[in-house]
Amino acid sequence: MENINSERPPMPSTYMAVAILTTIFCCWPFGIVSIVKATRVSSFYSQGLYPEAERASKSARNWALASAISGVVVYVLALLFTIVLPLIFG
């Protein structure tokens, strides 16, 4: 009889901490999607759906990255419009 655990791949990262931080500090709509994808990683993994868990992990990472990038863009634009442009044209 074979040991089932020997065939089980390691659980992919959920990126939950990154998802929560980007939701709080960056773009919350993308961050919420990242949190949803991150929660699916453990669910898929516990069901034995390893490829789906890997896809959910990559999707959670990508949504968190999109949230972080869009948050930085919004902060830079806000800084530009509230501080830099009034100094130039003001």
Protein backbone atom coordinates (compact mmCIF):
# COMPACT_ATOMS: atom_id res chain seq x y z
CA MET A 1 0.00 0.00 0.00
CA GLU A 2 1.38 3.36 -1.04
CA ASN A 3 1.46 6.39 1.19
CA ILE A 4 -0.93 8.99 -0.23
CA ASN A 5 0.94 11.87 1.42
CA SER A 6 4.09 11.09 -0.57
CA GLU A 7 2.29 12.03 -3.79
CA ARG A 8 0.84 15.22 -2.37
CA PRO A 9 2.69 18.31 -3.64
CA PRO A 10 3.47 21.14 -1.23
CA MET A 11 0.67 23.62 -0.73
CA PRO A 12 1.12 26.74 -2.86
CA SER A 13 1.29 30.10 -1.13
CA THR A 14 -2.06 31.71 -0.43
CA TYR A 15 -0.69 35.29 -0.49
CA MET A 16 -3.35 36.12 2.11
CA ALA A 17 -1.20 38.62 4.01
CA VAL A 18 -0.32 40.46 0.80
CA ALA A 19 -3.97 40.39 -0.27
CA ILE A 20 -5.11 41.91 3.02
CA LEU A 21 -2.41 44.58 3.03
CA THR A 22 -3.10 45.64 -0.56
CA THR A 23 -6.82 45.75 0.22
CA ILE A 24 -6.21 48.08 3.17
CA PHE A 25 -3.49 50.31 1.73
CA CYS A 26 -3.98 50.26 -2.03
CA CYS A 27 -6.89 49.51 -4.31
CA TRP A 28 -9.58 47.71 -2.32
CA PRO A 29 -11.64 46.31 -5.24
CA PHE A 30 -8.64 44.39 -6.61
CA GLY A 31 -7.59 43.48 -3.08
CA ILE A 32 -10.96 41.88 -2.34
CA VAL A 33 -10.64 39.72 -5.44
CA SER A 34 -7.17 38.74 -4.25
CA ILE A 35 -8.55 37.74 -0.83
CA VAL A 36 -11.23 35.60 -2.45
CA LYS A 37 -8.65 33.86 -4.64
CA ALA A 38 -6.33 33.38 -1.64
CA THR A 39 -9.06 31.63 0.35
CA ARG A 40 -9.66 29.25 -2.53
CA VAL A 41 -6.06 28.00 -2.45
CA SER A 42 -6.47 26.08 0.82
CA SER A 43 -9.93 24.92 -0.13
CA PHE A 44 -8.77 23.44 -3.43
CA TYR A 45 -5.66 21.95 -1.84
CA SER A 46 -7.62 20.21 0.93
CA GLN A 47 -9.94 18.73 -1.71
CA GLY A 48 -6.97 17.34 -3.61
CA LEU A 49 -7.42 19.73 -6.54
CA TYR A 50 -3.73 20.63 -6.77
CA PRO A 51 -3.68 22.29 -10.23
CA GLU A 52 -6.65 24.45 -9.25
CA ALA A 53 -4.90 25.40 -5.99
CA GLU A 54 -1.82 26.42 -7.97
CA ARG A 55 -3.92 28.51 -10.37
CA ALA A 56 -5.76 30.18 -7.48
CA SER A 57 -2.41 30.99 -5.84
CA LYS A 58 -1.07 32.61 -9.00
CA SER A 59 -4.34 34.49 -9.46
CA ALA A 60 -4.25 35.77 -5.85
CA ARG A 61 -0.68 36.98 -6.41
CA ASN A 62 -1.58 38.70 -9.66
CA TRP A 63 -4.63 40.46 -8.18
CA ALA A 64 -2.60 41.61 -5.18
CA LEU A 65 0.07 42.92 -7.55
CA ALA A 66 -2.58 44.72 -9.61
CA SER A 67 -3.96 46.25 -6.43
CA ALA A 68 -0.51 47.43 -5.32
CA ILE A 69 0.36 48.89 -8.72
CA SER A 70 -2.97 50.67 -9.13
CA GLY A 71 -2.71 52.01 -5.58
CA VAL A 72 0.75 53.45 -6.27
CA VAL A 73 -0.50 55.01 -9.51
CA VAL A 74 -3.45 56.62 -7.74
CA TYR A 75 -1.21 57.96 -4.95
CA VAL A 76 1.28 59.40 -7.45
CA LEU A 77 -1.51 61.05 -9.46
CA ALA A 78 -3.05 62.47 -6.29
CA LEU A 79 0.33 63.86 -5.27
CA LEU A 80 0.82 65.31 -8.74
CA PHE A 81 -2.57 67.02 -8.84
CA THR A 82 -2.61 68.29 -5.26
CA ILE A 83 0.98 69.41 -4.74
CA VAL A 84 3.07 69.60 -7.91
CA LEU A 85 0.62 71.17 -10.36
CA PRO A 86 -0.49 73.96 -7.98
CA LEU A 87 3.16 74.81 -7.38
CA ILE A 88 3.84 75.04 -11.12
CA PHE A 89 0.68 76.86 -12.20
CA GLY A 90 -0.35 78.33 -8.95
